[in-house]
Amino acid sequence: MAKRWYVVHAYSGYEKRVMRTLIERVALEGMEDKFGDILVPTEEVVEMRDGKKRKSERKFYPGYVLVQMELDDATWHLVKNTPRVLGFIGGTKDKPAPITEREAEAILRRVESGADKPRPKTLFEPGEVVRVIEGPFADFNGVVEEVDYDKSRVKVAVLIFGRSTPVELEFGQVEKD
């Protein structure tokens, strides 16, 4: 039987602990051949705090752990009886349904790309109103025109003396209104 990806619902904030506990329990029970990867899908994000760039981790799906396994009674009970696990997502209570291969590949690709290039913690959309919090245009409001995630810069149309003026700022210099 081939290993499939299942989504396990865990207590929010305990995803990493559930992942570690599952890995330990699989080893203790000697079921390594029935389990593949066990992971919490995350990406690295960058935010400006106190004028410094700080990296942190953001979960794609808070409260969920992905488990690659062959589903049978023994593996089902091992996962279900793990502390802080609420159950499986999808299917019925006794027979959970795996996610499709395409869904699993998309999640894994997103995890890999997130590790290569950290994303900003705050995402901006064109047309969104933002407030400039530092620099010569501090306390001005403006409308986002363009967003450049590679350079962590945003072009904002600021109203100066009744005229719209485009200003290019770093993500850390603006906040959502």
N, C-alpha and C. Protein backbone atom coordinates (compact mmCIF):
# COMPACT_ATOMS: atom_id res chain seq x y z
N MET A 1 0.83 -1.20 0.00
CA MET A 1 0.00 0.00 0.00
C MET A 1 0.87 1.25 0.00
N ALA A 2 0.49 2.23 -0.80
CA ALA A 2 1.28 3.46 -0.90
C ALA A 2 0.94 4.42 0.24
N LYS A 3 1.92 5.22 0.64
CA LYS A 3 1.68 6.21 1.68
C LYS A 3 0.96 7.40 1.05
N ARG A 4 -0.04 7.92 1.76
CA ARG A 4 -0.81 9.08 1.30
C ARG A 4 -0.71 10.17 2.36
N TRP A 5 -1.00 11.39 1.98
CA TRP A 5 -0.96 12.53 2.90
C TRP A 5 -2.31 12.71 3.58
N TYR A 6 -2.29 12.82 4.89
CA TYR A 6 -3.50 13.07 5.68
C TYR A 6 -3.31 14.35 6.48
N VAL A 7 -4.40 15.05 6.72
CA VAL A 7 -4.35 16.28 7.51
C VAL A 7 -4.88 15.96 8.90
N VAL A 8 -4.06 16.26 9.90
CA VAL A 8 -4.41 15.99 11.30
C VAL A 8 -4.68 17.33 11.99
N HIS A 9 -5.82 17.41 12.67
CA HIS A 9 -6.20 18.62 13.39
C HIS A 9 -5.59 18.56 14.79
N ALA A 10 -4.77 19.57 15.11
CA ALA A 10 -4.11 19.62 16.42
C ALA A 10 -4.55 20.88 17.15
N TYR A 11 -4.30 20.93 18.46
CA TYR A 11 -4.58 22.15 19.21
C TYR A 11 -3.77 23.27 18.58
N SER A 12 -4.39 24.42 18.42
CA SER A 12 -3.69 25.56 17.84
C SER A 12 -2.55 25.99 18.76
N GLY A 13 -1.40 26.22 18.19
CA GLY A 13 -0.22 26.59 18.98
C GLY A 13 0.62 25.39 19.39
N TYR A 14 0.09 24.18 19.21
CA TYR A 14 0.82 22.97 19.60
C TYR A 14 1.23 22.12 18.39
N GLU A 15 1.16 22.71 17.19
CA GLU A 15 1.44 21.93 15.98
C GLU A 15 2.83 21.31 15.99
N LYS A 16 3.84 22.09 16.37
CA LYS A 16 5.22 21.57 16.38
C LYS A 16 5.37 20.46 17.43
N ARG A 17 4.73 20.64 18.57
CA ARG A 17 4.82 19.62 19.62
C ARG A 17 4.14 18.33 19.18
N VAL A 18 2.98 18.46 18.51
CA VAL A 18 2.28 17.28 18.00
C VAL A 18 3.17 16.57 16.97
N MET A 19 3.82 17.35 16.10
CA MET A 19 4.71 16.77 15.09
C MET A 19 5.85 15.98 15.76
N ARG A 20 6.49 16.60 16.76
CA ARG A 20 7.59 15.91 17.46
C ARG A 20 7.10 14.66 18.19
N THR A 21 5.93 14.76 18.84
CA THR A 21 5.37 13.62 19.57
C THR A 21 5.05 12.48 18.62
N LEU A 22 4.45 12.81 17.46
CA LEU A 22 4.13 11.78 16.46
C LEU A 22 5.40 11.07 15.99
N ILE A 23 6.45 11.84 15.72
CA ILE A 23 7.72 11.25 15.25
C ILE A 23 8.28 10.31 16.32
N GLU A 24 8.24 10.75 17.60
CA GLU A 24 8.72 9.90 18.70
C GLU A 24 7.89 8.62 18.83
N ARG A 25 6.56 8.77 18.75
CA ARG A 25 5.68 7.61 18.93
C ARG A 25 5.84 6.60 17.79
N VAL A 26 6.05 7.10 16.57
CA VAL A 26 6.26 6.21 15.41
C VAL A 26 7.53 5.39 15.64
N ALA A 27 8.58 6.05 16.14
CA ALA A 27 9.84 5.35 16.41
C ALA A 27 9.67 4.34 17.55
N LEU A 28 8.98 4.74 18.62
CA LEU A 28 8.77 3.83 19.75
C LEU A 28 7.99 2.58 19.37
N GLU A 29 6.98 2.75 18.51
CA GLU A 29 6.15 1.63 18.09
C GLU A 29 6.80 0.83 16.95
N GLY A 30 7.91 1.33 16.41
CA GLY A 30 8.58 0.64 15.31
C GLY A 30 7.78 0.65 14.02
N MET A 31 7.06 1.74 13.76
CA MET A 31 6.21 1.83 12.57
C MET A 31 6.79 2.75 11.49
N GLU A 32 8.12 2.91 11.49
CA GLU A 32 8.74 3.82 10.52
C GLU A 32 8.40 3.46 9.08
N ASP A 33 8.21 2.15 8.81
CA ASP A 33 7.90 1.73 7.44
C ASP A 33 6.50 2.15 6.99
N LYS A 34 5.60 2.44 7.95
CA LYS A 34 4.22 2.82 7.60
C LYS A 34 4.03 4.33 7.54
N PHE A 35 5.03 5.09 8.01
CA PHE A 35 4.94 6.55 8.02
C PHE A 35 6.03 7.16 7.15
N GLY A 36 5.70 8.26 6.50
CA GLY A 36 6.67 9.02 5.73
C GLY A 36 6.99 10.30 6.48
N ASP A 37 6.82 11.42 5.81
CA ASP A 37 7.09 12.72 6.44
C ASP A 37 5.94 13.13 7.35
N ILE A 38 6.30 13.84 8.41
CA ILE A 38 5.33 14.46 9.30
C ILE A 38 5.79 15.91 9.42
N LEU A 39 4.95 16.85 8.99
CA LEU A 39 5.41 18.23 9.00
C LEU A 39 4.31 19.25 9.26
N VAL A 40 4.75 20.42 9.71
CA VAL A 40 3.87 21.58 9.90
C VAL A 40 4.27 22.55 8.79
N PRO A 41 3.39 22.80 7.81
CA PRO A 41 3.77 23.67 6.70
C PRO A 41 3.95 25.12 7.16
N THR A 42 5.18 25.63 7.02
CA THR A 42 5.48 27.00 7.42
C THR A 42 6.29 27.70 6.34
N GLU A 43 6.34 29.03 6.44
CA GLU A 43 7.20 29.82 5.57
C GLU A 43 7.89 30.85 6.45
N GLU A 44 9.05 31.34 5.97
CA GLU A 44 9.77 32.35 6.72
C GLU A 44 9.25 33.72 6.30
N VAL A 45 8.98 34.58 7.27
CA VAL A 45 8.53 35.93 6.97
C VAL A 45 9.48 36.94 7.61
N VAL A 46 9.59 38.11 6.99
CA VAL A 46 10.46 39.17 7.48
C VAL A 46 9.60 40.35 7.87
N GLU A 47 9.90 40.93 9.03
CA GLU A 47 9.19 42.15 9.43
C GLU A 47 10.20 43.12 10.00
N MET A 48 9.87 44.40 9.92
CA MET A 48 10.72 45.43 10.48
C MET A 48 10.23 45.73 11.89
N ARG A 49 11.12 45.57 12.87
CA ARG A 49 10.79 45.89 14.25
C ARG A 49 11.95 46.65 14.85
N ASP A 50 11.67 47.80 15.42
CA ASP A 50 12.72 48.66 16.01
C ASP A 50 13.80 48.99 15.00
N GLY A 51 13.40 49.18 13.74
CA GLY A 51 14.36 49.54 12.70
C GLY A 51 15.23 48.40 12.22
N LYS A 52 14.97 47.18 12.70
CA LYS A 52 15.77 46.02 12.28
C LYS A 52 14.89 45.00 11.60
N LYS A 53 15.47 44.30 10.62
CA LYS A 53 14.73 43.22 9.96
C LYS A 53 14.77 42.00 10.87
N ARG A 54 13.61 41.44 11.13
CA ARG A 54 13.55 40.23 11.96
C ARG A 54 12.83 39.14 11.19
N LYS A 55 13.40 37.95 11.25
CA LYS A 55 12.79 36.81 10.58
C LYS A 55 11.98 36.01 11.58
N SER A 56 10.83 35.55 11.14
CA SER A 56 10.03 34.66 11.99
C SER A 56 9.34 33.65 11.08
N GLU A 57 8.65 32.72 11.68
CA GLU A 57 7.99 31.67 10.92
C GLU A 57 6.48 31.87 10.99
N ARG A 58 5.82 31.67 9.85
CA ARG A 58 4.36 31.76 9.83
C ARG A 58 3.83 30.43 9.30
N LYS A 59 2.81 29.92 9.99
CA LYS A 59 2.20 28.65 9.57
C LYS A 59 1.19 28.93 8.46
N PHE A 60 1.21 28.09 7.41
CA PHE A 60 0.21 28.20 6.34
C PHE A 60 -1.17 27.84 6.88
N TYR A 61 -1.21 26.77 7.64
CA TYR A 61 -2.48 26.24 8.14
C TYR A 61 -2.39 26.06 9.65
N PRO A 62 -2.61 27.14 10.42
CA PRO A 62 -2.52 27.00 11.88
C PRO A 62 -3.51 25.95 12.39
N GLY A 63 -3.02 25.09 13.27
CA GLY A 63 -3.89 24.05 13.84
C GLY A 63 -3.85 22.74 13.09
N TYR A 64 -3.00 22.64 12.06
CA TYR A 64 -2.97 21.42 11.26
C TYR A 64 -1.55 20.89 11.08
N VAL A 65 -1.43 19.56 11.04
CA VAL A 65 -0.17 18.87 10.81
C VAL A 65 -0.39 17.92 9.64
N LEU A 66 0.56 17.87 8.71
CA LEU A 66 0.46 16.94 7.58
C LEU A 66 1.22 15.67 7.91
N VAL A 67 0.57 14.54 7.70
CA VAL A 67 1.18 13.24 8.00
C VAL A 67 1.10 12.36 6.77
N GLN A 68 2.25 11.84 6.34
CA GLN A 68 2.29 10.91 5.21
C GLN A 68 2.35 9.51 5.81
N MET A 69 1.32 8.69 5.50
CA MET A 69 1.28 7.37 6.12
C MET A 69 0.39 6.41 5.35
N GLU A 70 0.58 5.13 5.66
CA GLU A 70 -0.35 4.09 5.17
C GLU A 70 -1.43 3.99 6.24
N LEU A 71 -2.67 4.13 5.83
CA LEU A 71 -3.75 4.11 6.81
C LEU A 71 -4.20 2.67 7.09
N ASP A 72 -4.06 2.25 8.35
CA ASP A 72 -4.65 1.00 8.81
C ASP A 72 -5.04 1.23 10.28
N ASP A 73 -5.59 0.23 10.94
CA ASP A 73 -6.06 0.42 12.31
C ASP A 73 -4.94 0.88 13.25
N ALA A 74 -3.76 0.28 13.11
CA ALA A 74 -2.65 0.60 14.02
C ALA A 74 -2.18 2.05 13.83
N THR A 75 -2.01 2.48 12.57
CA THR A 75 -1.54 3.85 12.33
C THR A 75 -2.61 4.86 12.72
N TRP A 76 -3.89 4.53 12.44
CA TRP A 76 -4.99 5.42 12.79
C TRP A 76 -5.03 5.64 14.30
N HIS A 77 -4.91 4.55 15.08
CA HIS A 77 -4.92 4.65 16.54
C HIS A 77 -3.72 5.42 17.07
N LEU A 78 -2.54 5.19 16.47
CA LEU A 78 -1.33 5.89 16.93
C LEU A 78 -1.53 7.40 16.80
N VAL A 79 -2.02 7.85 15.65
CA VAL A 79 -2.22 9.28 15.43
C VAL A 79 -3.35 9.81 16.31
N LYS A 80 -4.47 9.10 16.32
CA LYS A 80 -5.66 9.55 17.04
C LYS A 80 -5.41 9.65 18.55
N ASN A 81 -4.58 8.78 19.10
CA ASN A 81 -4.32 8.77 20.54
C ASN A 81 -3.10 9.59 20.95
N THR A 82 -2.60 10.40 20.04
CA THR A 82 -1.48 11.28 20.36
C THR A 82 -2.02 12.48 21.13
N PRO A 83 -1.35 12.88 22.21
CA PRO A 83 -1.84 14.05 22.98
C PRO A 83 -1.95 15.29 22.09
N ARG A 84 -2.97 16.08 22.32
CA ARG A 84 -3.26 17.34 21.62
C ARG A 84 -3.68 17.16 20.16
N VAL A 85 -4.04 15.93 19.77
CA VAL A 85 -4.59 15.69 18.43
C VAL A 85 -6.11 15.61 18.57
N LEU A 86 -6.81 16.41 17.76
CA LEU A 86 -8.28 16.42 17.81
C LEU A 86 -8.87 15.40 16.85
N GLY A 87 -8.13 15.04 15.81
CA GLY A 87 -8.63 14.05 14.85
C GLY A 87 -8.14 14.35 13.45
N PHE A 88 -8.67 13.61 12.50
CA PHE A 88 -8.30 13.80 11.10
C PHE A 88 -9.29 14.75 10.44
N ILE A 89 -8.85 15.37 9.35
CA ILE A 89 -9.72 16.24 8.56
C ILE A 89 -10.07 15.50 7.28
N GLY A 90 -11.33 15.51 6.92
CA GLY A 90 -11.78 14.86 5.69
C GLY A 90 -12.23 13.43 5.92
N GLY A 91 -13.12 12.95 5.07
CA GLY A 91 -13.63 11.58 5.21
C GLY A 91 -14.60 11.48 6.38
N THR A 92 -14.71 10.27 6.93
CA THR A 92 -15.58 10.06 8.08
C THR A 92 -14.73 9.98 9.34
N LYS A 93 -15.40 9.92 10.48
CA LYS A 93 -14.68 9.89 11.76
C LYS A 93 -13.76 8.66 11.85
N ASP A 94 -14.25 7.51 11.38
CA ASP A 94 -13.47 6.27 11.47
C ASP A 94 -12.57 6.03 10.27
N LYS A 95 -12.89 6.63 9.13
CA LYS A 95 -12.08 6.42 7.92
C LYS A 95 -11.76 7.77 7.27
N PRO A 96 -10.64 8.39 7.69
CA PRO A 96 -10.29 9.69 7.12
C PRO A 96 -9.89 9.57 5.65
N ALA A 97 -10.11 10.66 4.91
CA ALA A 97 -9.75 10.69 3.49
C ALA A 97 -8.44 11.45 3.32
N PRO A 98 -7.54 10.93 2.49
CA PRO A 98 -6.29 11.64 2.24
C PRO A 98 -6.53 12.84 1.33
N ILE A 99 -5.59 13.79 1.35
CA ILE A 99 -5.68 14.89 0.39
C ILE A 99 -5.11 14.38 -0.93
N THR A 100 -5.43 15.03 -2.03
CA THR A 100 -4.96 14.56 -3.33
C THR A 100 -3.46 14.81 -3.47
N GLU A 101 -2.84 14.07 -4.38
CA GLU A 101 -1.40 14.25 -4.63
C GLU A 101 -1.11 15.68 -5.07
N ARG A 102 -2.02 16.24 -5.89
CA ARG A 102 -1.81 17.60 -6.40
C ARG A 102 -1.83 18.61 -5.25
N GLU A 103 -2.76 18.44 -4.30
CA GLU A 103 -2.81 19.33 -3.13
C GLU A 103 -1.54 19.20 -2.31
N ALA A 104 -1.09 17.97 -2.09
CA ALA A 104 0.12 17.73 -1.30
C ALA A 104 1.34 18.36 -1.97
N GLU A 105 1.46 18.18 -3.29
CA GLU A 105 2.60 18.76 -4.02
C GLU A 105 2.58 20.28 -3.94
N ALA A 106 1.39 20.89 -4.06
CA ALA A 106 1.28 22.35 -3.98
C ALA A 106 1.74 22.86 -2.61
N ILE A 107 1.34 22.16 -1.55
CA ILE A 107 1.74 22.56 -0.19
C ILE A 107 3.25 22.41 -0.02
N LEU A 108 3.81 21.28 -0.48
CA LEU A 108 5.25 21.05 -0.34
C LEU A 108 6.06 22.05 -1.15
N ARG A 109 5.57 22.40 -2.35
CA ARG A 109 6.25 23.40 -3.18
C ARG A 109 6.26 24.75 -2.47
N ARG A 110 5.12 25.10 -1.86
CA ARG A 110 5.01 26.37 -1.15
C ARG A 110 5.96 26.41 0.05
N VAL A 111 6.11 25.28 0.73
CA VAL A 111 7.04 25.21 1.87
C VAL A 111 8.47 25.42 1.37
N GLU A 112 8.85 24.77 0.27
CA GLU A 112 10.20 24.91 -0.27
C GLU A 112 10.48 26.33 -0.74
N SER A 113 9.54 26.95 -1.45
CA SER A 113 9.77 28.31 -1.95
C SER A 113 9.80 29.30 -0.78
N GLY A 114 9.05 29.02 0.27
CA GLY A 114 9.06 29.89 1.45
C GLY A 114 10.39 29.86 2.17
N ALA A 115 11.09 28.75 2.10
CA ALA A 115 12.40 28.63 2.76
C ALA A 115 13.47 29.38 1.96
N ASP A 116 13.32 29.40 0.64
CA ASP A 116 14.32 30.08 -0.21
C ASP A 116 14.24 31.59 -0.08
N LYS A 117 13.02 32.13 -0.12
CA LYS A 117 12.85 33.57 -0.16
C LYS A 117 11.83 34.01 0.88
N PRO A 118 12.30 34.61 2.00
CA PRO A 118 11.35 35.04 3.03
C PRO A 118 10.38 36.10 2.49
N ARG A 119 9.14 36.02 2.91
CA ARG A 119 8.13 36.98 2.49
C ARG A 119 7.90 37.99 3.60
N PRO A 120 7.39 39.18 3.25
CA PRO A 120 7.09 40.16 4.31
C PRO A 120 5.89 39.67 5.13
N LYS A 121 5.88 40.06 6.39
CA LYS A 121 4.79 39.62 7.26
C LYS A 121 3.48 40.29 6.87
N THR A 122 3.56 41.56 6.47
CA THR A 122 2.36 42.29 6.05
C THR A 122 2.32 42.33 4.54
N LEU A 123 1.19 41.95 3.97
CA LEU A 123 1.04 41.96 2.52
C LEU A 123 0.20 43.17 2.12
N PHE A 124 0.64 43.87 1.07
CA PHE A 124 -0.06 45.06 0.61
C PHE A 124 -0.70 44.78 -0.74
N GLU A 125 -1.85 45.43 -0.99
CA GLU A 125 -2.58 45.28 -2.25
C GLU A 125 -2.69 46.65 -2.91
N PRO A 126 -2.55 46.73 -4.24
CA PRO A 126 -2.79 48.00 -4.92
C PRO A 126 -4.23 48.48 -4.66
N GLY A 127 -4.37 49.79 -4.41
CA GLY A 127 -5.68 50.36 -4.11
C GLY A 127 -5.98 50.45 -2.63
N GLU A 128 -5.12 49.85 -1.80
CA GLU A 128 -5.31 49.83 -0.36
C GLU A 128 -4.80 51.15 0.26
N VAL A 129 -5.49 51.65 1.26
CA VAL A 129 -5.07 52.88 1.93
C VAL A 129 -4.09 52.52 3.05
N VAL A 130 -2.93 53.21 3.05
CA VAL A 130 -1.91 52.97 4.08
C VAL A 130 -1.54 54.31 4.71
N ARG A 131 -0.90 54.22 5.87
CA ARG A 131 -0.42 55.42 6.58
C ARG A 131 1.10 55.36 6.62
N VAL A 132 1.75 56.47 6.26
CA VAL A 132 3.20 56.56 6.31
C VAL A 132 3.58 56.82 7.77
N ILE A 133 4.46 55.98 8.33
CA ILE A 133 4.78 56.12 9.76
C ILE A 133 6.19 56.65 10.02
N GLU A 134 7.04 56.71 8.98
CA GLU A 134 8.36 57.31 9.19
C GLU A 134 8.88 57.88 7.90
N GLY A 135 9.83 58.80 8.03
CA GLY A 135 10.38 59.47 6.85
C GLY A 135 9.76 60.85 6.69
N PRO A 136 10.09 61.53 5.59
CA PRO A 136 9.60 62.90 5.40
C PRO A 136 8.08 63.00 5.23
N PHE A 137 7.41 61.90 4.90
CA PHE A 137 5.96 61.94 4.71
C PHE A 137 5.21 61.30 5.87
N ALA A 138 5.84 61.26 7.04
CA ALA A 138 5.22 60.63 8.22
C ALA A 138 3.86 61.28 8.49
N ASP A 139 2.90 60.47 8.90
CA ASP A 139 1.52 60.87 9.22
C ASP A 139 0.67 61.19 8.00
N PHE A 140 1.19 61.03 6.81
CA PHE A 140 0.38 61.19 5.61
C PHE A 140 -0.31 59.87 5.30
N ASN A 141 -1.51 59.93 4.74
CA ASN A 141 -2.18 58.74 4.24
C ASN A 141 -1.97 58.69 2.75
N GLY A 142 -1.97 57.48 2.19
CA GLY A 142 -1.79 57.34 0.75
C GLY A 142 -2.42 56.05 0.26
N VAL A 143 -2.48 55.93 -1.06
CA VAL A 143 -3.06 54.75 -1.69
C VAL A 143 -1.94 53.98 -2.37
N VAL A 144 -1.89 52.67 -2.12
CA VAL A 144 -0.86 51.81 -2.71
C VAL A 144 -1.09 51.72 -4.22
N GLU A 145 -0.03 52.02 -4.99
CA GLU A 145 -0.11 51.91 -6.45
C GLU A 145 0.57 50.64 -6.94
N GLU A 146 1.78 50.37 -6.42
CA GLU A 146 2.55 49.19 -6.83
C GLU A 146 3.21 48.57 -5.61
N VAL A 147 3.43 47.26 -5.67
CA VAL A 147 4.12 46.55 -4.60
C VAL A 147 5.25 45.74 -5.21
N ASP A 148 6.47 45.90 -4.67
CA ASP A 148 7.63 45.15 -5.14
C ASP A 148 8.14 44.30 -3.98
N TYR A 149 7.71 43.02 -3.95
CA TYR A 149 8.08 42.15 -2.84
C TYR A 149 9.55 41.76 -2.87
N ASP A 150 10.17 41.74 -4.06
CA ASP A 150 11.60 41.40 -4.15
C ASP A 150 12.46 42.43 -3.45
N LYS A 151 12.11 43.71 -3.60
CA LYS A 151 12.89 44.79 -2.99
C LYS A 151 12.28 45.29 -1.68
N SER A 152 11.15 44.71 -1.27
CA SER A 152 10.44 45.11 -0.05
C SER A 152 10.10 46.60 -0.08
N ARG A 153 9.60 47.05 -1.24
CA ARG A 153 9.22 48.45 -1.39
C ARG A 153 7.80 48.55 -1.92
N VAL A 154 7.19 49.70 -1.62
CA VAL A 154 5.82 49.94 -2.06
C VAL A 154 5.74 51.37 -2.61
N LYS A 155 5.04 51.54 -3.74
CA LYS A 155 4.84 52.87 -4.29
C LYS A 155 3.46 53.34 -3.83
N VAL A 156 3.46 54.50 -3.14
CA VAL A 156 2.24 55.03 -2.55
C VAL A 156 1.95 56.41 -3.14
N ALA A 157 0.69 56.66 -3.51
CA ALA A 157 0.26 57.98 -3.98
C ALA A 157 -0.17 58.78 -2.75
N VAL A 158 0.64 59.80 -2.39
CA VAL A 158 0.38 60.62 -1.22
C VAL A 158 -0.15 61.97 -1.68
N LEU A 159 -1.17 62.49 -0.99
CA LEU A 159 -1.74 63.79 -1.33
C LEU A 159 -0.93 64.89 -0.65
N ILE A 160 -0.19 65.69 -1.45
CA ILE A 160 0.61 66.78 -0.91
C ILE A 160 0.11 68.07 -1.56
N PHE A 161 -0.34 69.00 -0.75
CA PHE A 161 -0.91 70.27 -1.23
C PHE A 161 -2.00 70.04 -2.26
N GLY A 162 -2.83 69.02 -2.03
CA GLY A 162 -3.96 68.75 -2.90
C GLY A 162 -3.60 68.02 -4.19
N ARG A 163 -2.32 67.64 -4.35
CA ARG A 163 -1.91 66.93 -5.56
C ARG A 163 -1.40 65.54 -5.19
N SER A 164 -1.75 64.56 -6.01
CA SER A 164 -1.31 63.19 -5.78
C SER A 164 0.13 63.04 -6.24
N THR A 165 1.01 62.63 -5.32
CA THR A 165 2.43 62.48 -5.62
C THR A 165 2.86 61.05 -5.32
N PRO A 166 3.43 60.33 -6.32
CA PRO A 166 3.90 58.97 -6.03
C PRO A 166 5.20 58.99 -5.23
N VAL A 167 5.23 58.20 -4.17
CA VAL A 167 6.39 58.12 -3.29
C VAL A 167 6.74 56.65 -3.12
N GLU A 168 8.05 56.31 -3.27
CA GLU A 168 8.47 54.92 -3.07
C GLU A 168 9.02 54.77 -1.66
N LEU A 169 8.46 53.83 -0.90
CA LEU A 169 8.83 53.63 0.50
C LEU A 169 9.12 52.16 0.78
N GLU A 170 9.84 51.92 1.88
CA GLU A 170 10.07 50.54 2.31
C GLU A 170 8.86 50.07 3.11
N PHE A 171 8.67 48.74 3.16
CA PHE A 171 7.53 48.17 3.89
C PHE A 171 7.47 48.68 5.33
N GLY A 172 8.63 48.85 5.96
CA GLY A 172 8.68 49.27 7.35
C GLY A 172 8.25 50.71 7.57
N GLN A 173 8.16 51.49 6.49
CA GLN A 173 7.79 52.90 6.62
C GLN A 173 6.28 53.13 6.52
N VAL A 174 5.52 52.08 6.21
CA VAL A 174 4.06 52.23 6.09
C VAL A 174 3.37 51.16 6.92
N GLU A 175 2.12 51.47 7.28
CA GLU A 175 1.30 50.49 7.97
C GLU A 175 -0.11 50.55 7.41
N LYS A 176 -0.81 49.45 7.51
CA LYS A 176 -2.19 49.43 7.02
C LYS A 176 -3.04 50.33 7.88
N ASP A 177 -3.93 51.07 7.23
CA ASP A 177 -4.76 52.03 7.95
C ASP A 177 -5.92 51.37 8.66
